[in-house]
Structure formats: C-alpha cells, structure tokens
Amino acid sequence: MRKFLILLVVGIFILGCSEKTSYVKVVDPSISKDISVEKISERVNETSGLKELQVMGENSSNKYVKLRYRVVWFDKDGFEIKAIGDRWMELPAYKNANFTIHIVAPNKQATDYRLFINQ
C-alpha cells in the first residue's frame, strides 16, 4: 500500500510539473482590455491527420478593430516548424461582437502552437 501511495504522489507531481507549451496571447496592451479569448478548441482532422485550432473571442468595445494574428507551430521536440502561414493575418473584429480564428497546422508533425493577436 505504501508503494502505491508513493507512486501516486510521484505521478501527480510529474503531471503537475508538465507544462503546456500551446497558448493564445493578446500581445497588444492597447486592445487587451477590449479583446478577450473566450474558447480554444483543438482537434486532429480524421481525414488529413492535421491538427486544427479554433479560437473564439470577443470585441467588447464600441468600435471596429482590425486585428492581426500569427501562429507559430512546433513539433513534439519543441522545434519551430516554418510554414507559409507564419506571417501576420488580418481579421475584422466588429464592435460588440464575437470573432473566430480557424487555423490548420502546416503538417502532421505540428503538435504545439503559439498564437499571438495584436492590432
């Protein structure tokens, strides 16, 4: 019984220390109070085998904002994967409205991402 408890504690410690490298971040402080990320969904497409990312957000301001976003993909070893989609893309965020960003990984080796949003 004692060995089981030790293994359980060690397992919980290891799981607690594992860091999630994927994230979404609003990097422009001038819009961070009005632009919020509400939901992040991930899946692997059954047909293509590529990871898909869907980010739902909200513009709570009373003005139209032209957002820009950029995603950087990483393989399982943490190395950056260069892709055509590395550049900043534009996205309209209408006043007091929701917006959605949908992104597909450049290849099957892409496991983690970092999505940056600015104006």
PDB file of N, CA and C in Angstrom:
ATOM      1  N   MET A   1       0.820  -1.194   0.000  1.00  0.00           N
ATOM      2  CA  MET A   1       0.000   0.000   0.000  1.00  0.00           C
ATOM      3  C   MET A   1       0.864   1.259   0.000  1.00  0.00           C
ATOM      4  N   ARG A   2       1.950   1.230   0.760  1.00  0.00           N
ATOM      5  CA  ARG A   2       2.835   2.380   0.844  1.00  0.00           C
ATOM      6  C   ARG A   2       3.469   2.677  -0.510  1.00  0.00           C
ATOM      7  N   LYS A   3       3.883   1.632  -1.233  1.00  0.00           N
ATOM      8  CA  LYS A   3       4.475   1.810  -2.567  1.00  0.00           C
ATOM      9  C   LYS A   3       3.467   2.440  -3.514  1.00  0.00           C
ATOM     10  N   PHE A   4       2.207   2.014  -3.420  1.00  0.00           N
ATOM     11  CA  PHE A   4       1.156   2.574  -4.274  1.00  0.00           C
ATOM     12  C   PHE A   4       0.996   4.069  -4.002  1.00  0.00           C
ATOM     13  N   LEU A   5       0.988   4.470  -2.737  1.00  0.00           N
ATOM     14  CA  LEU A   5       0.840   5.883  -2.391  1.00  0.00           C
ATOM     15  C   LEU A   5       2.025   6.705  -2.884  1.00  0.00           C
ATOM     16  N   ILE A   6       3.228   6.156  -2.765  1.00  0.00           N
ATOM     17  CA  ILE A   6       4.418   6.862  -3.251  1.00  0.00           C
ATOM     18  C   ILE A   6       4.334   7.042  -4.763  1.00  0.00           C
ATOM     19  N   LEU A   7       3.955   5.978  -5.481  1.00  0.00           N
ATOM     20  CA  LEU A   7       3.806   6.075  -6.932  1.00  0.00           C
ATOM     21  C   LEU A   7       2.724   7.078  -7.315  1.00  0.00           C
ATOM     22  N   LEU A   8       1.634   7.096  -6.574  1.00  0.00           N
ATOM     23  CA  LEU A   8       0.558   8.033  -6.845  1.00  0.00           C
ATOM     24  C   LEU A   8       1.026   9.478  -6.663  1.00  0.00           C
ATOM     25  N   VAL A   9       1.738   9.745  -5.575  1.00  0.00           N
ATOM     26  CA  VAL A   9       2.243  11.094  -5.313  1.00  0.00           C
ATOM     27  C   VAL A   9       3.235  11.511  -6.388  1.00  0.00           C
ATOM     28  N   VAL A  10       4.145  10.611  -6.775  1.00  0.00           N
ATOM     29  CA  VAL A  10       5.121  10.911  -7.824  1.00  0.00           C
ATOM     30  C   VAL A  10       4.412  11.178  -9.147  1.00  0.00           C
ATOM     31  N   GLY A  11       3.401  10.377  -9.485  1.00  0.00           N
ATOM     32  CA  GLY A  11       2.638  10.570 -10.721  1.00  0.00           C
ATOM     33  C   GLY A  11       1.933  11.907 -10.750  1.00  0.00           C
ATOM     34  N   ILE A  12       1.328  12.279  -9.645  1.00  0.00           N
ATOM     35  CA  ILE A  12       0.651  13.570  -9.570  1.00  0.00           C
ATOM     36  C   ILE A  12       1.664  14.704  -9.702  1.00  0.00           C
ATOM     37  N   PHE A  13       2.828  14.565  -9.079  1.00  0.00           N
ATOM     38  CA  PHE A  13       3.875  15.583  -9.170  1.00  0.00           C
ATOM     39  C   PHE A  13       4.337  15.754 -10.609  1.00  0.00           C
ATOM     40  N   ILE A  14       4.556  14.640 -11.302  1.00  0.00           N
ATOM     41  CA  ILE A  14       5.009  14.712 -12.696  1.00  0.00           C
ATOM     42  C   ILE A  14       3.951  15.364 -13.566  1.00  0.00           C
ATOM     43  N   LEU A  15       2.698  14.985 -13.401  1.00  0.00           N
ATOM     44  CA  LEU A  15       1.628  15.599 -14.188  1.00  0.00           C
ATOM     45  C   LEU A  15       1.497  17.081 -13.877  1.00  0.00           C
ATOM     46  N   GLY A  16       1.656  17.454 -12.633  1.00  0.00           N
ATOM     47  CA  GLY A  16       1.557  18.853 -12.240  1.00  0.00           C
ATOM     48  C   GLY A  16       2.692  19.695 -12.779  1.00  0.00           C
ATOM     49  N   CYS A  17       3.843  19.092 -12.992  1.00  0.00           N
ATOM     50  CA  CYS A  17       5.007  19.836 -13.475  1.00  0.00           C
ATOM     51  C   CYS A  17       5.077  19.922 -14.995  1.00  0.00           C
ATOM     52  N   SER A  18       4.293  19.118 -15.670  1.00  0.00           N
ATOM     53  CA  SER A  18       4.339  19.180 -17.135  1.00  0.00           C
ATOM     54  C   SER A  18       3.733  20.498 -17.584  1.00  0.00           C
ATOM     55  N   GLU A  19       4.434  21.186 -18.459  1.00  0.00           N
ATOM     56  CA  GLU A  19       3.965  22.493 -18.892  1.00  0.00           C
ATOM     57  C   GLU A  19       3.299  22.402 -20.257  1.00  0.00           C
ATOM     58  N   LYS A  20       2.286  23.190 -20.429  1.00  0.00           N
ATOM     59  CA  LYS A  20       1.600  23.259 -21.715  1.00  0.00           C
ATOM     60  C   LYS A  20       2.281  24.352 -22.522  1.00  0.00           C
ATOM     61  N   THR A  21       2.800  23.970 -23.664  1.00  0.00           N
ATOM     62  CA  THR A  21       3.528  24.957 -24.459  1.00  0.00           C
ATOM     63  C   THR A  21       2.617  25.684 -25.438  1.00  0.00           C
ATOM     64  N   SER A  22       1.427  25.163 -25.681  1.00  0.00           N
ATOM     65  CA  SER A  22       0.500  25.824 -26.595  1.00  0.00           C
ATOM     66  C   SER A  22      -0.281  26.892 -25.840  1.00  0.00           C
ATOM     67  N   TYR A  23      -0.431  28.052 -26.476  1.00  0.00           N
ATOM     68  CA  TYR A  23      -1.229  29.094 -25.850  1.00  0.00           C
ATOM     69  C   TYR A  23      -1.632  30.147 -26.874  1.00  0.00           C
ATOM     70  N   VAL A  24      -2.604  30.974 -26.462  1.00  0.00           N
ATOM     71  CA  VAL A  24      -3.071  32.118 -27.246  1.00  0.00           C
ATOM     72  C   VAL A  24      -2.854  33.343 -26.378  1.00  0.00           C
ATOM     73  N   LYS A  25      -2.291  34.403 -26.979  1.00  0.00           N
ATOM     74  CA  LYS A  25      -1.975  35.596 -26.192  1.00  0.00           C
ATOM     75  C   LYS A  25      -2.283  36.859 -26.985  1.00  0.00           C
ATOM     76  N   VAL A  26      -2.985  37.792 -26.352  1.00  0.00           N
ATOM     77  CA  VAL A  26      -3.179  39.132 -26.909  1.00  0.00           C
ATOM     78  C   VAL A  26      -1.943  39.936 -26.504  1.00  0.00           C
ATOM     79  N   VAL A  27      -1.120  40.309 -27.501  1.00  0.00           N
ATOM     80  CA  VAL A  27       0.174  40.926 -27.195  1.00  0.00           C
ATOM     81  C   VAL A  27       0.168  42.452 -27.257  1.00  0.00           C
ATOM     82  N   ASP A  28      -0.926  43.042 -27.692  1.00  0.00           N
ATOM     83  CA  ASP A  28      -1.018  44.499 -27.792  1.00  0.00           C
ATOM     84  C   ASP A  28      -1.765  45.034 -26.569  1.00  0.00           C
ATOM     85  N   PRO A  29      -1.064  45.714 -25.653  1.00  0.00           N
ATOM     86  CA  PRO A  29      -1.727  46.193 -24.440  1.00  0.00           C
ATOM     87  C   PRO A  29      -2.841  47.206 -24.705  1.00  0.00           C
ATOM     88  N   SER A  30      -2.806  47.877 -25.846  1.00  0.00           N
ATOM     89  CA  SER A  30      -3.837  48.878 -26.130  1.00  0.00           C
ATOM     90  C   SER A  30      -5.205  48.253 -26.407  1.00  0.00           C
ATOM     91  N   ILE A  31      -5.246  46.969 -26.722  1.00  0.00           N
ATOM     92  CA  ILE A  31      -6.532  46.307 -27.001  1.00  0.00           C
ATOM     93  C   ILE A  31      -6.837  45.194 -26.011  1.00  0.00           C
ATOM     94  N   SER A  32      -5.932  44.891 -25.113  1.00  0.00           N
ATOM     95  CA  SER A  32      -6.107  43.730 -24.231  1.00  0.00           C
ATOM     96  C   SER A  32      -7.322  43.842 -23.309  1.00  0.00           C
ATOM     97  N   LYS A  33      -7.783  45.051 -23.009  1.00  0.00           N
ATOM     98  CA  LYS A  33      -8.976  45.164 -22.157  1.00  0.00           C
ATOM     99  C   LYS A  33     -10.268  44.970 -22.949  1.00  0.00           C
ATOM    100  N   ASP A  34     -10.226  45.160 -24.275  1.00  0.00           N
ATOM    101  CA  ASP A  34     -11.431  45.036 -25.105  1.00  0.00           C
ATOM    102  C   ASP A  34     -11.505  43.717 -25.873  1.00  0.00           C
ATOM    103  N   ILE A  35     -10.367  43.106 -26.118  1.00  0.00           N
ATOM    104  CA  ILE A  35     -10.330  41.858 -26.884  1.00  0.00           C
ATOM    105  C   ILE A  35     -10.050  40.712 -25.926  1.00  0.00           C
ATOM    106  N   SER A  36     -10.962  39.743 -25.891  1.00  0.00           N
ATOM    107  CA  SER A  36     -10.769  38.606 -24.993  1.00  0.00           C
ATOM    108  C   SER A  36     -10.914  37.298 -25.751  1.00  0.00           C
ATOM    109  N   VAL A  37     -10.192  36.300 -25.307  1.00  0.00           N
ATOM    110  CA  VAL A  37     -10.291  34.950 -25.866  1.00  0.00           C
ATOM    111  C   VAL A  37     -11.260  34.182 -24.982  1.00  0.00           C
ATOM    112  N   GLU A  38     -12.342  33.706 -25.581  1.00  0.00           N
ATOM    113  CA  GLU A  38     -13.404  33.045 -24.831  1.00  0.00           C
ATOM    114  C   GLU A  38     -13.261  31.529 -24.806  1.00  0.00           C
ATOM    115  N   LYS A  39     -12.806  30.945 -25.938  1.00  0.00           N
ATOM    116  CA  LYS A  39     -12.741  29.486 -26.017  1.00  0.00           C
ATOM    117  C   LYS A  39     -11.676  29.077 -27.031  1.00  0.00           C
ATOM    118  N   ILE A  40     -10.909  28.048 -26.684  1.00  0.00           N
ATOM    119  CA  ILE A  40      -9.899  27.491 -27.577  1.00  0.00           C
ATOM    120  C   ILE A  40     -10.233  26.014 -27.767  1.00  0.00           C
ATOM    121  N   SER A  41     -10.423  25.603 -29.014  1.00  0.00           N
ATOM    122  CA  SER A  41     -10.721  24.206 -29.323  1.00  0.00           C
ATOM    123  C   SER A  41      -9.643  23.646 -30.235  1.00  0.00           C
ATOM    124  N   GLU A  42      -9.257  22.413 -29.972  1.00  0.00           N
ATOM    125  CA  GLU A  42      -8.258  21.735 -30.796  1.00  0.00           C
ATOM    126  C   GLU A  42      -8.793  20.368 -31.185  1.00  0.00           C
ATOM    127  N   ARG A  43      -8.382  19.913 -32.366  1.00  0.00           N
ATOM    128  CA  ARG A  43      -8.703  18.545 -32.778  1.00  0.00           C
ATOM    129  C   ARG A  43      -7.737  18.142 -33.878  1.00  0.00           C
ATOM    130  N   VAL A  44      -7.669  16.843 -34.117  1.00  0.00           N
ATOM    131  CA  VAL A  44      -6.917  16.327 -35.253  1.00  0.00           C
ATOM    132  C   VAL A  44      -7.942  15.891 -36.282  1.00  0.00           C
ATOM    133  N   ASN A  45      -7.859  16.442 -37.479  1.00  0.00           N
ATOM    134  CA  ASN A  45      -8.787  16.113 -38.551  1.00  0.00           C
ATOM    135  C   ASN A  45      -8.614  14.649 -38.931  1.00  0.00           C
ATOM    136  N   GLU A  46      -9.705  13.903 -38.918  1.00  0.00           N
ATOM    137  CA  GLU A  46      -9.646  12.459 -39.201  1.00  0.00           C
ATOM    138  C   GLU A  46      -9.193  12.160 -40.618  1.00  0.00           C
ATOM    139  N   THR A  47      -9.523  13.014 -41.559  1.00  0.00           N
ATOM    140  CA  THR A  47      -9.176  12.770 -42.963  1.00  0.00           C
ATOM    141  C   THR A  47      -7.722  13.118 -43.254  1.00  0.00           C
ATOM    142  N   SER A  48      -7.306  14.303 -42.855  1.00  0.00           N
ATOM    143  CA  SER A  48      -5.957  14.770 -43.197  1.00  0.00           C
ATOM    144  C   SER A  48      -4.905  14.421 -42.146  1.00  0.00           C
ATOM    145  N   GLY A  49      -5.334  14.203 -40.904  1.00  0.00           N
ATOM    146  CA  GLY A  49      -4.396  13.938 -39.828  1.00  0.00           C
ATOM    147  C   GLY A  49      -3.728  15.199 -39.305  1.00  0.00           C
ATOM    148  N   LEU A  50      -4.188  16.366 -39.754  1.00  0.00           N
ATOM    149  CA  LEU A  50      -3.598  17.637 -39.340  1.00  0.00           C
ATOM    150  C   LEU A  50      -4.337  18.204 -38.130  1.00  0.00           C
ATOM    151  N   LYS A  51      -3.585  18.841 -37.255  1.00  0.00           N
ATOM    152  CA  LYS A  51      -4.176  19.484 -36.085  1.00  0.00           C
ATOM    153  C   LYS A  51      -4.898  20.752 -36.523  1.00  0.00           C
ATOM    154  N   GLU A  52      -6.071  20.967 -35.961  1.00  0.00           N
ATOM    155  CA  GLU A  52      -6.853  22.165 -36.241  1.00  0.00           C
ATOM    156  C   GLU A  52      -7.043  22.933 -34.937  1.00  0.00           C
ATOM    157  N   LEU A  53      -7.065  24.229 -35.065  1.00  0.00           N
ATOM    158  CA  LEU A  53      -7.211  25.118 -33.924  1.00  0.00           C
ATOM    159  C   LEU A  53      -8.330  26.105 -34.227  1.00  0.00           C
ATOM    160  N   GLN A  54      -9.244  26.250 -33.284  1.00  0.00           N
ATOM    161  CA  GLN A  54     -10.308  27.244 -33.415  1.00  0.00           C
ATOM    162  C   GLN A  54     -10.331  28.092 -32.152  1.00  0.00           C
ATOM    163  N   VAL A  55     -10.176  29.390 -32.346  1.00  0.00           N
ATOM    164  CA  VAL A  55     -10.173  30.327 -31.222  1.00  0.00           C
ATOM    165  C   VAL A  55     -11.374  31.247 -31.376  1.00  0.00           C
ATOM    166  N   MET A  56     -12.199  31.281 -30.347  1.00  0.00           N
ATOM    167  CA  MET A  56     -13.352  32.168 -30.342  1.00  0.00           C
ATOM    168  C   MET A  56     -13.082  33.292 -29.353  1.00  0.00           C
ATOM    169  N   GLY A  57     -13.309  34.521 -29.827  1.00  0.00           N
ATOM    170  CA  GLY A  57     -13.045  35.674 -28.987  1.00  0.00           C
ATOM    171  C   GLY A  57     -14.153  36.691 -29.076  1.00  0.00           C
ATOM    172  N   GLU A  58     -13.968  37.779 -28.347  1.00  0.00           N
ATOM    173  CA  GLU A  58     -14.980  38.827 -28.325  1.00  0.00           C
ATOM    174  C   GLU A  58     -14.321  40.199 -28.318  1.00  0.00           C
ATOM    175  N   ASN A  59     -14.893  41.102 -29.103  1.00  0.00           N
ATOM    176  CA  ASN A  59     -14.537  42.517 -29.060  1.00  0.00           C
ATOM    177  C   ASN A  59     -15.630  43.208 -28.253  1.00  0.00           C
ATOM    178  N   SER A  60     -15.318  43.585 -27.031  1.00  0.00           N
ATOM    179  CA  SER A  60     -16.328  44.196 -26.160  1.00  0.00           C
ATOM    180  C   SER A  60     -16.355  45.716 -26.260  1.00  0.00           C
ATOM    181  N   SER A  61     -15.575  46.270 -27.180  1.00  0.00           N
ATOM    182  CA  SER A  61     -15.558  47.728 -27.328  1.00  0.00           C
ATOM    183  C   SER A  61     -16.678  48.189 -28.259  1.00  0.00           C
ATOM    184  N   ASN A  62     -16.892  49.484 -28.286  1.00  0.00           N
ATOM    185  CA  ASN A  62     -17.912  50.072 -29.155  1.00  0.00           C
ATOM    186  C   ASN A  62     -17.324  50.533 -30.481  1.00  0.00           C
ATOM    187  N   LYS A  63     -16.203  49.937 -30.860  1.00  0.00           N
ATOM    188  CA  LYS A  63     -15.592  50.317 -32.131  1.00  0.00           C
ATOM    189  C   LYS A  63     -15.082  49.087 -32.875  1.00  0.00           C
ATOM    190  N   TYR A  64     -15.044  49.216 -34.190  1.00  0.00           N
ATOM    191  CA  TYR A  64     -14.485  48.187 -35.060  1.00  0.00           C
ATOM    192  C   TYR A  64     -12.977  48.150 -34.859  1.00  0.00           C
ATOM    193  N   VAL A  65     -12.417  46.951 -34.777  1.00  0.00           N
ATOM    194  CA  VAL A  65     -10.972  46.797 -34.616  1.00  0.00           C
ATOM    195  C   VAL A  65     -10.477  45.819 -35.677  1.00  0.00           C
ATOM    196  N   LYS A  66      -9.437  46.230 -36.396  1.00  0.00           N
ATOM    197  CA  LYS A  66      -8.813  45.316 -37.346  1.00  0.00           C
ATOM    198  C   LYS A  66      -7.687  44.596 -36.602  1.00  0.00           C
ATOM    199  N   LEU A  67      -7.936  43.327 -36.280  1.00  0.00           N
ATOM    200  CA  LEU A  67      -6.938  42.536 -35.570  1.00  0.00           C
ATOM    201  C   LEU A  67      -5.981  41.891 -36.548  1.00  0.00           C
ATOM    202  N   ARG A  68      -4.822  41.539 -36.015  1.00  0.00           N
ATOM    203  CA  ARG A  68      -3.856  40.736 -36.768  1.00  0.00           C
ATOM    204  C   ARG A  68      -3.474  39.574 -35.861  1.00  0.00           C
ATOM    205  N   TYR A  69      -3.285  38.404 -36.476  1.00  0.00           N
ATOM    206  CA  TYR A  69      -2.863  37.253 -35.692  1.00  0.00           C
ATOM    207  C   TYR A  69      -1.785  36.484 -36.435  1.00  0.00           C
ATOM    208  N   ARG A  70      -0.993  35.767 -35.663  1.00  0.00           N
ATOM    209  CA  ARG A  70       0.093  34.968 -36.217  1.00  0.00           C
ATOM    210  C   ARG A  70       0.234  33.725 -35.349  1.00  0.00           C
ATOM    211  N   VAL A  71       0.371  32.578 -35.995  1.00  0.00           N
ATOM    212  CA  VAL A  71       0.572  31.340 -35.245  1.00  0.00           C
ATOM    213  C   VAL A  71       1.954  30.778 -35.575  1.00  0.00           C
ATOM    214  N   VAL A  72       2.618  30.289 -34.568  1.00  0.00           N
ATOM    215  CA  VAL A  72       3.906  29.616 -34.732  1.00  0.00           C
ATOM    216  C   VAL A  72       3.695  28.181 -34.267  1.00  0.00           C
ATOM    217  N   TRP A  73       4.021  27.233 -35.128  1.00  0.00           N
ATOM    218  CA  TRP A  73       3.833  25.814 -34.824  1.00  0.00           C
ATOM    219  C   TRP A  73       5.151  25.187 -34.393  1.00  0.00           C
ATOM    220  N   PHE A  74       5.059  24.172 -33.524  1.00  0.00           N
ATOM    221  CA  PHE A  74       6.231  23.452 -33.021  1.00  0.00           C
ATOM    222  C   PHE A  74       5.997  21.952 -33.117  1.00  0.00           C
ATOM    223  N   ASP A  75       7.092  21.208 -33.324  1.00  0.00           N
ATOM    224  CA  ASP A  75       6.979  19.749 -33.349  1.00  0.00           C
ATOM    225  C   ASP A  75       7.062  19.203 -31.922  1.00  0.00           C
ATOM    226  N   LYS A  76       6.991  17.887 -31.773  1.00  0.00           N
ATOM    227  CA  LYS A  76       6.959  17.270 -30.447  1.00  0.00           C
ATOM    228  C   LYS A  76       8.220  17.525 -29.628  1.00  0.00           C
ATOM    229  N   ASP A  77       9.314  17.863 -30.301  1.00  0.00           N
ATOM    230  CA  ASP A  77      10.573  18.147 -29.620  1.00  0.00           C
ATOM    231  C   ASP A  77      10.744  19.634 -29.288  1.00  0.00           C
ATOM    232  N   GLY A  78       9.752  20.458 -29.639  1.00  0.00           N
ATOM    233  CA  GLY A  78       9.810  21.880 -29.335  1.00  0.00           C
ATOM    234  C   GLY A  78      10.487  22.729 -30.391  1.00  0.00           C
ATOM    235  N   PHE A  79      10.787  22.132 -31.551  1.00  0.00           N
ATOM    236  CA  PHE A  79      11.408  22.899 -32.628  1.00  0.00           C
ATOM    237  C   PHE A  79      10.345  23.578 -33.477  1.00  0.00           C
ATOM    238  N   GLU A  80      10.615  24.827 -33.846  1.00  0.00           N
ATOM    239  CA  GLU A  80       9.683  25.596 -34.657  1.00  0.00           C
ATOM    240  C   GLU A  80       9.585  25.012 -36.059  1.00  0.00           C
ATOM    241  N   ILE A  81       8.372  24.956 -36.569  1.00  0.00           N
ATOM    242  CA  ILE A  81       8.123  24.479 -37.931  1.00  0.00           C
ATOM    243  C   ILE A  81       7.857  25.698 -38.796  1.00  0.00           C
ATOM    244  N   LYS A  82       8.683  25.927 -39.768  1.00  0.00           N
ATOM    245  CA  LYS A  82       8.493  27.048 -40.696  1.00  0.00           C
ATOM    246  C   LYS A  82       7.347  26.713 -41.646  1.00  0.00           C
ATOM    247  N   ALA A  83       6.482  27.695 -41.862  1.00  0.00           N
ATOM    248  CA  ALA A  83       5.327  27.478 -42.728  1.00  0.00           C
ATOM    249  C   ALA A  83       4.968  28.777 -43.431  1.00  0.00           C
ATOM    250  N   ILE A  84       4.248  28.654 -44.519  1.00  0.00           N
ATOM    251  CA  ILE A  84       3.801  29.822 -45.267  1.00  0.00           C
ATOM    252  C   ILE A  84       2.903  30.696 -44.386  1.00  0.00           C
ATOM    253  N   GLY A  85       2.127  30.075 -43.523  1.00  0.00           N
ATOM    254  CA  GLY A  85       1.190  30.798 -42.671  1.00  0.00           C
ATOM    255  C   GLY A  85       1.825  31.474 -41.476  1.00  0.00           C
ATOM    256  N   ASP A  86       3.157  31.578 -41.438  1.00  0.00           N
ATOM    257  CA  ASP A  86       3.839  32.233 -40.324  1.00  0.00           C
ATOM    258  C   ASP A  86       3.615  33.741 -40.287  1.00  0.00           C
ATOM    259  N   ARG A  87       3.167  34.314 -41.367  1.00  0.00           N
ATOM    260  CA  ARG A  87       3.031  35.775 -41.434  1.00  0.00           C
ATOM    261  C   ARG A  87       1.777  36.239 -40.687  1.00  0.00           C
ATOM    262  N   TRP A  88       1.722  37.529 -40.411  1.00  0.00           N
ATOM    263  CA  TRP A  88       0.557  38.108 -39.742  1.00  0.00           C
ATOM    264  C   TRP A  88      -0.622  38.133 -40.704  1.00  0.00           C
ATOM    265  N   MET A  89      -1.771  37.678 -40.214  1.00  0.00           N
ATOM    266  CA  MET A  89      -3.010  37.663 -40.988  1.00  0.00           C
ATOM    267  C   MET A  89      -3.982  38.662 -40.359  1.00  0.00           C
ATOM    268  N   GLU A  90      -4.836  39.276 -41.192  1.00  0.00           N
ATOM    269  CA  GLU A  90      -5.802  40.248 -40.686  1.00  0.00           C
ATOM    270  C   GLU A  90      -7.148  39.584 -40.401  1.00  0.00           C
ATOM    271  N   LEU A  91      -7.832  40.139 -39.416  1.00  0.00           N
ATOM    272  CA  LEU A  91      -9.129  39.614 -39.004  1.00  0.00           C
ATOM    273  C   LEU A  91      -9.996  40.767 -38.510  1.00  0.00           C
ATOM    274  N   PRO A  92     -11.202  40.940 -39.060  1.00  0.00           N
ATOM    275  CA  PRO A  92     -12.071  42.006 -38.562  1.00  0.00           C
ATOM    276  C   PRO A  92     -12.718  41.596 -37.242  1.00  0.00           C
ATOM    277  N   ALA A  93     -12.758  42.528 -36.303  1.00  0.00           N
ATOM    278  CA  ALA A  93     -13.459  42.318 -35.042  1.00  0.00           C
ATOM    279  C   ALA A  93     -14.451  43.470 -34.906  1.00  0.00           C
ATOM    280  N   TYR A  94     -15.689  43.190 -35.264  1.00  0.00           N
ATOM    281  CA  TYR A  94     -16.718  44.230 -35.249  1.00  0.00           C
ATOM    282  C   TYR A  94     -17.088  44.605 -33.821  1.00  0.00           C
ATOM    283  N   LYS A  95     -17.589  45.821 -33.653  1.00  0.00           N
ATOM    284  CA  LYS A  95     -17.903  46.324 -32.318  1.00  0.00           C
ATOM    285  C   LYS A  95     -18.931  45.436 -31.617  1.00  0.00           C
ATOM    286  N   ASN A  96     -18.669  45.175 -30.345  1.00  0.00           N
ATOM    287  CA  ASN A  96     -19.554  44.365 -29.500  1.00  0.00           C
ATOM    288  C   ASN A  96     -19.952  43.048 -30.161  1.00  0.00           C
ATOM    289  N   ALA A  97     -18.992  42.371 -30.758  1.00  0.00           N
ATOM    290  CA  ALA A  97     -19.295  41.137 -31.477  1.00  0.00           C
ATOM    291  C   ALA A  97     -18.220  40.078 -31.219  1.00  0.00           C
ATOM    292  N   ASN A  98     -18.585  38.845 -31.514  1.00  0.00           N
ATOM    293  CA  ASN A  98     -17.662  37.723 -31.407  1.00  0.00           C
ATOM    294  C   ASN A  98     -16.891  37.575 -32.709  1.00  0.00           C
ATOM    295  N   PHE A  99     -15.737  36.934 -32.630  1.00  0.00           N
ATOM    296  CA  PHE A  99     -14.961  36.597 -33.822  1.00  0.00           C
ATOM    297  C   PHE A  99     -14.375  35.199 -33.646  1.00  0.00           C
ATOM    298  N   THR A 100     -14.019  34.573 -34.767  1.00  0.00           N
ATOM    299  CA  THR A 100     -13.461  33.224 -34.744  1.00  0.00           C
ATOM    300  C   THR A 100     -12.231  33.168 -35.631  1.00  0.00           C
ATOM    301  N   ILE A 101     -11.197  32.537 -35.128  1.00  0.00           N
ATOM    302  CA  ILE A 101      -9.981  32.276 -35.899  1.00  0.00           C
ATOM    303  C   ILE A 101      -9.882  30.766 -36.059  1.00  0.00           C
ATOM    304  N   HIS A 102      -9.771  30.296 -37.295  1.00  0.00           N
ATOM    305  CA  HIS A 102      -9.625  28.869 -37.566  1.00  0.00           C
ATOM    306  C   HIS A 102      -8.315  28.649 -38.304  1.00  0.00           C
ATOM    307  N   ILE A 103      -7.473  27.789 -37.771  1.00  0.00           N
ATOM    308  CA  ILE A 103      -6.145  27.567 -38.335  1.00  0.00           C
ATOM    309  C   ILE A 103      -5.891  26.064 -38.436  1.00  0.00           C
ATOM    310  N   VAL A 104      -5.232  25.657 -39.520  1.00  0.00           N
ATOM    311  CA  VAL A 104      -4.850  24.260 -39.714  1.00  0.00           C
ATOM    312  C   VAL A 104      -3.328  24.178 -39.707  1.00  0.00           C
ATOM    313  N   ALA A 105      -2.801  23.194 -39.012  1.00  0.00           N
ATOM    314  CA  ALA A 105      -1.352  23.001 -38.913  1.00  0.00           C
ATOM    315  C   ALA A 105      -0.746  22.766 -40.297  1.00  0.00           C
ATOM    316  N   PRO A 106       0.524  23.151 -40.482  1.00  0.00           N
ATOM    317  CA  PRO A 106       1.158  23.001 -41.792  1.00  0.00           C
ATOM    318  C   PRO A 106       1.493  21.555 -42.148  1.00  0.00           C
ATOM    319  N   ASN A 107       1.668  20.695 -41.138  1.00  0.00           N
ATOM    320  CA  ASN A 107       1.948  19.283 -41.408  1.00  0.00           C
ATOM    321  C   ASN A 107       1.600  18.452 -40.171  1.00  0.00           C
ATOM    322  N   LYS A 108       1.742  17.140 -40.280  1.00  0.00           N
ATOM    323  CA  LYS A 108       1.358  16.242 -39.185  1.00  0.00           C
ATOM    324  C   LYS A 108       2.327  16.283 -38.006  1.00  0.00           C
ATOM    325  N   GLN A 109       3.506  16.836 -38.217  1.00  0.00           N
ATOM    326  CA  GLN A 109       4.473  16.917 -37.120  1.00  0.00           C
ATOM    327  C   GLN A 109       4.152  18.056 -36.147  1.00  0.00           C
ATOM    328  N   ALA A 110       3.283  18.979 -36.541  1.00  0.00           N
ATOM    329  CA  ALA A 110       2.926  20.118 -35.690  1.00  0.00           C
ATOM    330  C   ALA A 110       2.048  19.642 -34.531  1.00  0.00           C
ATOM    331  N   THR A 111       2.567  19.779 -33.320  1.00  0.00           N
ATOM    332  CA  THR A 111       1.827  19.325 -32.144  1.00  0.00           C
ATOM    333  C   THR A 111       1.457  20.472 -31.210  1.00  0.00           C
ATOM    334  N   ASP A 112       2.293  21.491 -31.135  1.00  0.00           N
ATOM    335  CA  ASP A 112       2.046  22.628 -30.258  1.00  0.00           C
ATOM    336  C   ASP A 112       2.043  23.918 -31.078  1.00  0.00           C
ATOM    337  N   TYR A 113       1.482  24.955 -30.488  1.00  0.00           N
ATOM    338  CA  TYR A 113       1.387  26.243 -31.191  1.00  0.00           C
ATOM    339  C   TYR A 113       1.471  27.379 -30.194  1.00  0.00           C
ATOM    340  N   ARG A 114       1.738  28.542 -30.746  1.00  0.00           N
ATOM    341  CA  ARG A 114       1.617  29.806 -30.013  1.00  0.00           C
ATOM    342  C   ARG A 114       0.940  30.765 -30.956  1.00  0.00           C
ATOM    343  N   LEU A 115      -0.215  31.260 -30.552  1.00  0.00           N
ATOM    344  CA  LEU A 115      -0.998  32.183 -31.364  1.00  0.00           C
ATOM    345  C   LEU A 115      -0.939  33.557 -30.724  1.00  0.00           C
ATOM    346  N   PHE A 116      -0.506  34.554 -31.491  1.00  0.00           N
ATOM    347  CA  PHE A 116      -0.393  35.912 -30.996  1.00  0.00           C
ATOM    348  C   PHE A 116      -1.419  36.784 -31.717  1.00  0.00           C
ATOM    349  N   ILE A 117      -2.078  37.654 -30.954  1.00  0.00           N
ATOM    350  CA  ILE A 117      -3.088  38.557 -31.508  1.00  0.00           C
ATOM    351  C   ILE A 117      -2.676  39.985 -31.168  1.00  0.00           C
ATOM    352  N   ASN A 118      -2.700  40.860 -32.170  1.00  0.00           N
ATOM    353  CA  ASN A 118      -2.450  42.285 -31.921  1.00  0.00           C
ATOM    354  C   ASN A 118      -3.290  43.117 -32.866  1.00  0.00           C
ATOM    355  N   GLN A 119      -3.065  44.427 -32.852  1.00  0.00           N
ATOM    356  CA  GLN A 119      -3.849  45.327 -33.710  1.00  0.00           C
ATOM    357  C   GLN A 119      -2.982  45.818 -34.837  1.00  0.00           C
TER     358      GLN A 119
END
